Amino acid sequence: MTVRRGDQMLWGASIEPEIERARRALEAGDLEVSVQTIEKLPAPALDAMKGWLDQARALIAARGALRQLAAG
Protein backbone atom coordinates (compact mmCIF):
# COMPACT_ATOMS: atom_id res chain seq x y z
CA MET A 1 0.00 0.00 0.00
CA THR A 2 1.25 3.48 -0.87
CA VAL A 3 -0.11 6.78 0.38
CA ARG A 4 0.93 9.94 -1.43
CA ARG A 5 0.45 13.66 -0.99
CA GLY A 6 0.95 14.92 -4.51
CA ASP A 7 4.37 13.67 -5.62
CA GLN A 8 5.48 13.04 -2.05
CA MET A 9 5.26 9.46 -0.75
CA LEU A 10 4.02 9.45 2.85
CA TRP A 11 3.65 5.71 3.16
CA GLY A 12 4.86 2.98 0.89
CA ALA A 13 6.94 -0.11 0.37
CA SER A 14 10.13 1.60 1.55
CA ILE A 15 8.79 2.08 5.09
CA GLU A 16 6.48 -0.92 5.36
CA PRO A 17 9.02 -3.04 7.29
CA GLU A 18 9.44 -0.28 9.88
CA ILE A 19 5.70 0.20 10.23
CA GLU A 20 5.27 -3.55 10.68
CA ARG A 21 8.03 -3.60 13.32
CA ALA A 22 6.32 -0.74 15.18
CA ARG A 23 2.95 -2.48 14.96
CA ARG A 24 4.37 -5.72 16.35
CA ALA A 25 6.03 -3.88 19.24
CA LEU A 26 2.77 -2.13 20.00
CA GLU A 27 0.81 -5.40 19.95
CA ALA A 28 3.40 -6.86 22.33
CA GLY A 29 2.79 -3.96 24.71
CA ASP A 30 6.11 -2.22 24.06
CA LEU A 31 5.03 1.34 23.31
CA GLU A 32 8.56 2.69 23.75
CA VAL A 33 10.00 0.47 21.00
CA SER A 34 7.07 1.28 18.76
CA VAL A 35 7.69 5.02 19.20
CA GLN A 36 11.44 4.63 18.66
CA THR A 37 10.79 2.73 15.44
CA ILE A 38 8.31 5.31 14.14
CA GLU A 39 10.72 8.15 15.01
CA LYS A 40 13.22 6.70 12.50
CA LEU A 41 10.82 7.14 9.56
CA PRO A 42 11.39 9.80 6.91
CA ALA A 43 9.99 13.28 7.57
CA PRO A 44 6.82 12.93 5.44
CA ALA A 45 5.80 9.79 7.31
CA LEU A 46 6.69 11.40 10.64
CA ASP A 47 4.44 14.31 9.78
CA ALA A 48 1.60 11.90 9.05
CA MET A 49 2.20 10.14 12.39
CA LYS A 50 2.61 13.32 14.46
CA GLY A 51 -0.72 13.08 16.28
CA TRP A 52 -0.17 9.46 17.24
CA LEU A 53 3.44 10.13 18.28
CA ASP A 54 2.41 13.06 20.49
CA GLN A 55 -0.16 10.92 22.27
CA ALA A 56 2.21 7.96 22.60
CA ARG A 57 4.97 10.17 24.05
CA ALA A 58 2.50 11.68 26.53
CA LEU A 59 1.43 8.20 27.62
CA ILE A 60 5.05 7.11 28.05
CA ALA A 61 5.75 10.22 30.15
CA ALA A 62 2.64 9.62 32.28
CA ARG A 63 3.63 6.00 32.87
CA GLY A 64 7.10 7.13 33.89
CA ALA A 65 5.68 9.66 36.33
CA LEU A 66 3.42 7.01 37.84
CA ARG A 67 6.40 4.65 38.27
CA GLN A 68 8.32 7.43 40.06
CA LEU A 69 5.39 8.14 42.36
CA ALA A 70 4.99 4.45 43.15
CA ALA A 71 8.72 4.15 43.90
CA GLY A 72 8.41 6.90 46.49
PDB file of N, CA and C in Angstrom:
ATOM      1  N   MET A   1       0.839  -1.178   0.000  1.00  0.00           N
ATOM      2  CA  MET A   1       0.000   0.000   0.000  1.00  0.00           C
ATOM      3  C   MET A   1       0.885   1.242   0.000  1.00  0.00           C
ATOM      4  N   THR A   2       0.517   2.225  -0.793  1.00  0.00           N
ATOM      5  CA  THR A   2       1.254   3.480  -0.868  1.00  0.00           C
ATOM      6  C   THR A   2       0.288   4.630  -0.672  1.00  0.00           C
ATOM      7  N   VAL A   3       0.678   5.573   0.164  1.00  0.00           N
ATOM      8  CA  VAL A   3      -0.110   6.780   0.381  1.00  0.00           C
ATOM      9  C   VAL A   3       0.745   7.957  -0.047  1.00  0.00           C
ATOM     10  N   ARG A   4       0.184   8.797  -0.907  1.00  0.00           N
ATOM     11  CA  ARG A   4       0.929   9.945  -1.427  1.00  0.00           C
ATOM     12  C   ARG A   4       0.194  11.246  -1.149  1.00  0.00           C
ATOM     13  N   ARG A   5       0.965  12.295  -1.022  1.00  0.00           N
ATOM     14  CA  ARG A   5       0.445  13.663  -0.988  1.00  0.00           C
ATOM     15  C   ARG A   5       1.097  14.345  -2.182  1.00  0.00           C
ATOM     16  N   GLY A   6       0.360  14.412  -3.277  1.00  0.00           N
ATOM     17  CA  GLY A   6       0.952  14.916  -4.514  1.00  0.00           C
ATOM     18  C   GLY A   6       2.041  13.966  -4.966  1.00  0.00           C
ATOM     19  N   ASP A   7       3.239  14.493  -5.213  1.00  0.00           N
ATOM     20  CA  ASP A   7       4.372  13.667  -5.623  1.00  0.00           C
ATOM     21  C   ASP A   7       5.131  13.076  -4.442  1.00  0.00           C
ATOM     22  N   GLN A   8       4.768  13.458  -3.248  1.00  0.00           N
ATOM     23  CA  GLN A   8       5.485  13.040  -2.050  1.00  0.00           C
ATOM     24  C   GLN A   8       4.885  11.747  -1.489  1.00  0.00           C
ATOM     25  N   MET A   9       5.736  10.713  -1.331  1.00  0.00           N
ATOM     26  CA  MET A   9       5.262   9.465  -0.751  1.00  0.00           C
ATOM     27  C   MET A   9       5.278   9.592   0.772  1.00  0.00           C
ATOM     28  N   LEU A  10       4.121   9.416   1.398  1.00  0.00           N
ATOM     29  CA  LEU A  10       4.017   9.449   2.854  1.00  0.00           C
ATOM     30  C   LEU A  10       4.173   8.053   3.431  1.00  0.00           C
ATOM     31  N   TRP A  11       3.713   7.089   2.689  1.00  0.00           N
ATOM     32  CA  TRP A  11       3.649   5.711   3.156  1.00  0.00           C
ATOM     33  C   TRP A  11       3.831   4.828   1.952  1.00  0.00           C
ATOM     34  N   GLY A  12       4.685   3.867   2.031  1.00  0.00           N
ATOM     35  CA  GLY A  12       4.855   2.977   0.892  1.00  0.00           C
ATOM     36  C   GLY A  12       5.772   1.821   1.224  1.00  0.00           C
ATOM     37  N   ALA A  13       6.145   1.098   0.199  1.00  0.00           N
ATOM     38  CA  ALA A  13       6.938  -0.112   0.372  1.00  0.00           C
ATOM     39  C   ALA A  13       8.242   0.149   1.105  1.00  0.00           C
ATOM     40  N   SER A  14       8.828   1.330   0.934  1.00  0.00           N
ATOM     41  CA  SER A  14      10.125   1.600   1.546  1.00  0.00           C
ATOM     42  C   SER A  14      10.053   1.664   3.066  1.00  0.00           C
ATOM     43  N   ILE A  15       8.892   1.994   3.630  1.00  0.00           N
ATOM     44  CA  ILE A  15       8.790   2.079   5.093  1.00  0.00           C
ATOM     45  C   ILE A  15       7.906   0.986   5.687  1.00  0.00           C
ATOM     46  N   GLU A  16       7.351   0.141   4.853  1.00  0.00           N
ATOM     47  CA  GLU A  16       6.480  -0.924   5.361  1.00  0.00           C
ATOM     48  C   GLU A  16       7.129  -1.801   6.422  1.00  0.00           C
ATOM     49  N   PRO A  17       8.410  -2.207   6.242  1.00  0.00           N
ATOM     50  CA  PRO A  17       9.021  -3.044   7.291  1.00  0.00           C
ATOM     51  C   PRO A  17       9.091  -2.323   8.641  1.00  0.00           C
ATOM     52  N   GLU A  18       9.369  -1.041   8.631  1.00  0.00           N
ATOM     53  CA  GLU A  18       9.443  -0.283   9.883  1.00  0.00           C
ATOM     54  C   GLU A  18       8.063  -0.149  10.523  1.00  0.00           C
ATOM     55  N   ILE A  19       7.063   0.099   9.708  1.00  0.00           N
ATOM     56  CA  ILE A  19       5.698   0.196  10.229  1.00  0.00           C
ATOM     57  C   ILE A  19       5.268  -1.140  10.839  1.00  0.00           C
ATOM     58  N   GLU A  20       5.608  -2.214  10.171  1.00  0.00           N
ATOM     59  CA  GLU A  20       5.272  -3.548  10.679  1.00  0.00           C
ATOM     60  C   GLU A  20       5.996  -3.812  12.000  1.00  0.00           C
ATOM     61  N   ARG A  21       7.263  -3.421  12.084  1.00  0.00           N
ATOM     62  CA  ARG A  21       8.030  -3.600  13.319  1.00  0.00           C
ATOM     63  C   ARG A  21       7.384  -2.805  14.455  1.00  0.00           C
ATOM     64  N   ALA A  22       6.982  -1.580  14.172  1.00  0.00           N
ATOM     65  CA  ALA A  22       6.321  -0.737  15.180  1.00  0.00           C
ATOM     66  C   ALA A  22       4.987  -1.346  15.606  1.00  0.00           C
ATOM     67  N   ARG A  23       4.239  -1.865  14.650  1.00  0.00           N
ATOM     68  CA  ARG A  23       2.948  -2.483  14.962  1.00  0.00           C
ATOM     69  C   ARG A  23       3.125  -3.696  15.862  1.00  0.00           C
ATOM     70  N   ARG A  24       4.112  -4.522  15.537  1.00  0.00           N
ATOM     71  CA  ARG A  24       4.366  -5.718  16.353  1.00  0.00           C
ATOM     72  C   ARG A  24       4.774  -5.341  17.773  1.00  0.00           C
ATOM     73  N   ALA A  25       5.620  -4.332  17.901  1.00  0.00           N
ATOM     74  CA  ALA A  25       6.031  -3.881  19.235  1.00  0.00           C
ATOM     75  C   ALA A  25       4.822  -3.383  20.012  1.00  0.00           C
ATOM     76  N   LEU A  26       3.962  -2.647  19.347  1.00  0.00           N
ATOM     77  CA  LEU A  26       2.765  -2.126  20.000  1.00  0.00           C
ATOM     78  C   LEU A  26       1.843  -3.261  20.447  1.00  0.00           C
ATOM     79  N   GLU A  27       1.646  -4.243  19.586  1.00  0.00           N
ATOM     80  CA  GLU A  27       0.813  -5.398  19.948  1.00  0.00           C
ATOM     81  C   GLU A  27       1.402  -6.179  21.111  1.00  0.00           C
ATOM     82  N   ALA A  28       2.735  -6.163  21.232  1.00  0.00           N
ATOM     83  CA  ALA A  28       3.403  -6.860  22.327  1.00  0.00           C
ATOM     84  C   ALA A  28       3.407  -6.027  23.606  1.00  0.00           C
ATOM     85  N   GLY A  29       2.859  -4.819  23.530  1.00  0.00           N
ATOM     86  CA  GLY A  29       2.793  -3.959  24.708  1.00  0.00           C
ATOM     87  C   GLY A  29       4.000  -3.087  24.916  1.00  0.00           C
ATOM     88  N   ASP A  30       4.888  -3.008  23.924  1.00  0.00           N
ATOM     89  CA  ASP A  30       6.107  -2.218  24.059  1.00  0.00           C
ATOM     90  C   ASP A  30       5.963  -0.896  23.301  1.00  0.00           C
ATOM     91  N   LEU A  31       5.290   0.039  23.925  1.00  0.00           N
ATOM     92  CA  LEU A  31       5.026   1.340  23.312  1.00  0.00           C
ATOM     93  C   LEU A  31       6.318   2.090  23.029  1.00  0.00           C
ATOM     94  N   GLU A  32       7.303   1.976  23.931  1.00  0.00           N
ATOM     95  CA  GLU A  32       8.557   2.693  23.748  1.00  0.00           C
ATOM     96  C   GLU A  32       9.272   2.268  22.467  1.00  0.00           C
ATOM     97  N   VAL A  33       9.352   0.962  22.229  1.00  0.00           N
ATOM     98  CA  VAL A  33      10.004   0.471  21.003  1.00  0.00           C
ATOM     99  C   VAL A  33       9.206   0.885  19.780  1.00  0.00           C
ATOM    100  N   SER A  34       7.907   0.859  19.875  1.00  0.00           N
ATOM    101  CA  SER A  34       7.066   1.282  18.763  1.00  0.00           C
ATOM    102  C   SER A  34       7.343   2.744  18.412  1.00  0.00           C
ATOM    103  N   VAL A  35       7.404   3.594  19.423  1.00  0.00           N
ATOM    104  CA  VAL A  35       7.689   5.021  19.197  1.00  0.00           C
ATOM    105  C   VAL A  35       9.088   5.192  18.615  1.00  0.00           C
ATOM    106  N   GLN A  36      10.065   4.514  19.169  1.00  0.00           N
ATOM    107  CA  GLN A  36      11.437   4.630  18.664  1.00  0.00           C
ATOM    108  C   GLN A  36      11.525   4.218  17.199  1.00  0.00           C
ATOM    109  N   THR A  37      10.788   3.198  16.831  1.00  0.00           N
ATOM    110  CA  THR A  37      10.785   2.734  15.445  1.00  0.00           C
ATOM    111  C   THR A  37      10.133   3.763  14.531  1.00  0.00           C
ATOM    112  N   ILE A  38       9.004   4.303  14.941  1.00  0.00           N
ATOM    113  CA  ILE A  38       8.310   5.314  14.139  1.00  0.00           C
ATOM    114  C   ILE A  38       9.164   6.572  13.995  1.00  0.00           C
ATOM    115  N   GLU A  39       9.888   6.937  15.044  1.00  0.00           N
ATOM    116  CA  GLU A  39      10.716   8.148  15.007  1.00  0.00           C
ATOM    117  C   GLU A  39      11.836   8.073  13.975  1.00  0.00           C
ATOM    118  N   LYS A  40      12.169   6.884  13.508  1.00  0.00           N
ATOM    119  CA  LYS A  40      13.223   6.704  12.501  1.00  0.00           C
ATOM    120  C   LYS A  40      12.711   6.853  11.069  1.00  0.00           C
ATOM    121  N   LEU A  41      11.397   7.026  10.903  1.00  0.00           N
ATOM    122  CA  LEU A  41      10.819   7.138   9.564  1.00  0.00           C
ATOM    123  C   LEU A  41      11.198   8.462   8.917  1.00  0.00           C
ATOM    124  N   PRO A  42      11.118   8.546   7.606  1.00  0.00           N
ATOM    125  CA  PRO A  42      11.391   9.803   6.908  1.00  0.00           C
ATOM    126  C   PRO A  42      10.389  10.889   7.311  1.00  0.00           C
ATOM    127  N   ALA A  43      10.798  12.126   7.137  1.00  0.00           N
ATOM    128  CA  ALA A  43       9.991  13.277   7.574  1.00  0.00           C
ATOM    129  C   ALA A  43       8.534  13.247   7.102  1.00  0.00           C
ATOM    130  N   PRO A  44       8.244  12.936   5.853  1.00  0.00           N
ATOM    131  CA  PRO A  44       6.824  12.930   5.444  1.00  0.00           C
ATOM    132  C   PRO A  44       5.982  11.944   6.243  1.00  0.00           C
ATOM    133  N   ALA A  45       6.539  10.773   6.523  1.00  0.00           N
ATOM    134  CA  ALA A  45       5.803   9.786   7.306  1.00  0.00           C
ATOM    135  C   ALA A  45       5.684  10.239   8.758  1.00  0.00           C
ATOM    136  N   LEU A  46       6.742  10.859   9.277  1.00  0.00           N
ATOM    137  CA  LEU A  46       6.687  11.397  10.643  1.00  0.00           C
ATOM    138  C   LEU A  46       5.596  12.451  10.767  1.00  0.00           C
ATOM    139  N   ASP A  47       5.494  13.293   9.766  1.00  0.00           N
ATOM    140  CA  ASP A  47       4.442  14.315   9.777  1.00  0.00           C
ATOM    141  C   ASP A  47       3.060  13.669   9.832  1.00  0.00           C
ATOM    142  N   ALA A  48       2.891  12.598   9.075  1.00  0.00           N
ATOM    143  CA  ALA A  48       1.601  11.902   9.052  1.00  0.00           C
ATOM    144  C   ALA A  48       1.308  11.223  10.387  1.00  0.00           C
ATOM    145  N   MET A  49       2.347  10.847  11.120  1.00  0.00           N
ATOM    146  CA  MET A  49       2.195  10.137  12.386  1.00  0.00           C
ATOM    147  C   MET A  49       2.260  11.062  13.595  1.00  0.00           C
ATOM    148  N   LYS A  50       2.383  12.370  13.383  1.00  0.00           N
ATOM    149  CA  LYS A  50       2.611  13.318  14.465  1.00  0.00           C
ATOM    150  C   LYS A  50       1.584  13.218  15.588  1.00  0.00           C
ATOM    151  N   GLY A  51       0.316  13.167  15.261  1.00  0.00           N
ATOM    152  CA  GLY A  51      -0.720  13.083  16.283  1.00  0.00           C
ATOM    153  C   GLY A  51      -0.570  11.850  17.145  1.00  0.00           C
ATOM    154  N   TRP A  52      -0.350  10.707  16.508  1.00  0.00           N
ATOM    155  CA  TRP A  52      -0.167   9.464  17.243  1.00  0.00           C
ATOM    156  C   TRP A  52       1.088   9.535  18.106  1.00  0.00           C
ATOM    157  N   LEU A  53       2.197  10.039  17.523  1.00  0.00           N
ATOM    158  CA  LEU A  53       3.444  10.133  18.285  1.00  0.00           C
ATOM    159  C   LEU A  53       3.293  11.032  19.503  1.00  0.00           C
ATOM    160  N   ASP A  54       2.623  12.152  19.348  1.00  0.00           N
ATOM    161  CA  ASP A  54       2.414  13.057  20.486  1.00  0.00           C
ATOM    162  C   ASP A  54       1.657  12.359  21.607  1.00  0.00           C
ATOM    163  N   GLN A  55       0.617  11.640  21.259  1.00  0.00           N
ATOM    164  CA  GLN A  55      -0.164  10.917  22.268  1.00  0.00           C
ATOM    165  C   GLN A  55       0.647   9.790  22.898  1.00  0.00           C
ATOM    166  N   ALA A  56       1.399   9.070  22.086  1.00  0.00           N
ATOM    167  CA  ALA A  56       2.207   7.962  22.604  1.00  0.00           C
ATOM    168  C   ALA A  56       3.285   8.482  23.547  1.00  0.00           C
ATOM    169  N   ARG A  57       3.941   9.581  23.175  1.00  0.00           N
ATOM    170  CA  ARG A  57       4.967  10.168  24.045  1.00  0.00           C
ATOM    171  C   ARG A  57       4.361  10.645  25.359  1.00  0.00           C
ATOM    172  N   ALA A  58       3.173  11.226  25.304  1.00  0.00           N
ATOM    173  CA  ALA A  58       2.499  11.679  26.527  1.00  0.00           C
ATOM    174  C   ALA A  58       2.173  10.492  27.426  1.00  0.00           C
ATOM    175  N   LEU A  59       1.735   9.390  26.838  1.00  0.00           N
ATOM    176  CA  LEU A  59       1.429   8.196  27.618  1.00  0.00           C
ATOM    177  C   LEU A  59       2.690   7.625  28.256  1.00  0.00           C
ATOM    178  N   ILE A  60       3.781   7.593  27.508  1.00  0.00           N
ATOM    179  CA  ILE A  60       5.054   7.115  28.046  1.00  0.00           C
ATOM    180  C   ILE A  60       5.492   7.990  29.222  1.00  0.00           C
ATOM    181  N   ALA A  61       5.377   9.306  29.073  1.00  0.00           N
ATOM    182  CA  ALA A  61       5.747  10.223  30.150  1.00  0.00           C
ATOM    183  C   ALA A  61       4.860  10.014  31.380  1.00  0.00           C
ATOM    184  N   ALA A  62       3.566   9.835  31.160  1.00  0.00           N
ATOM    185  CA  ALA A  62       2.641   9.616  32.277  1.00  0.00           C
ATOM    186  C   ALA A  62       2.964   8.312  33.002  1.00  0.00           C
ATOM    187  N   ARG A  63       3.263   7.277  32.250  1.00  0.00           N
ATOM    188  CA  ARG A  63       3.628   5.999  32.867  1.00  0.00           C
ATOM    189  C   ARG A  63       4.908   6.143  33.695  1.00  0.00           C
ATOM    190  N   GLY A  64       5.866   6.885  33.156  1.00  0.00           N
ATOM    191  CA  GLY A  64       7.104   7.127  33.890  1.00  0.00           C
ATOM    192  C   GLY A  64       6.864   7.875  35.185  1.00  0.00           C
ATOM    193  N   ALA A  65       6.012   8.887  35.122  1.00  0.00           N
ATOM    194  CA  ALA A  65       5.676   9.660  36.326  1.00  0.00           C
ATOM    195  C   ALA A  65       4.984   8.786  37.361  1.00  0.00           C
ATOM    196  N   LEU A  66       4.090   7.925  36.917  1.00  0.00           N
ATOM    197  CA  LEU A  66       3.423   7.011  37.841  1.00  0.00           C
ATOM    198  C   LEU A  66       4.410   6.037  38.492  1.00  0.00           C
ATOM    199  N   ARG A  67       5.384   5.551  37.707  1.00  0.00           N
ATOM    200  CA  ARG A  67       6.396   4.654  38.266  1.00  0.00           C
ATOM    201  C   ARG A  67       7.215   5.385  39.338  1.00  0.00           C
ATOM    202  N   GLN A  68       7.565   6.642  39.075  1.00  0.00           N
ATOM    203  CA  GLN A  68       8.322   7.426  40.055  1.00  0.00           C
ATOM    204  C   GLN A  68       7.523   7.645  41.326  1.00  0.00           C
ATOM    205  N   LEU A  69       6.243   7.949  41.174  1.00  0.00           N
ATOM    206  CA  LEU A  69       5.391   8.140  42.355  1.00  0.00           C
ATOM    207  C   LEU A  69       5.275   6.856  43.166  1.00  0.00           C
ATOM    208  N   ALA A  70       5.133   5.744  42.470  1.00  0.00           N
ATOM    209  CA  ALA A  70       4.989   4.454  43.152  1.00  0.00           C
ATOM    210  C   ALA A  70       6.289   4.061  43.856  1.00  0.00           C
ATOM    211  N   ALA A  71       7.425   4.486  43.299  1.00  0.00           N
ATOM    212  CA  ALA A  71       8.723   4.148  43.895  1.00  0.00           C
ATOM    213  C   ALA A  71       9.010   4.993  45.134  1.00  0.00           C
ATOM    214  N   GLY A  72       8.266   6.074  45.302  1.00  0.00           N
ATOM    215  CA  GLY A  72       8.409   6.905  46.491  1.00  0.00           C
ATOM    216  C   GLY A  72       9.294   8.027  46.238  1.00  0.00           C
TER     217      GLY A  72
END
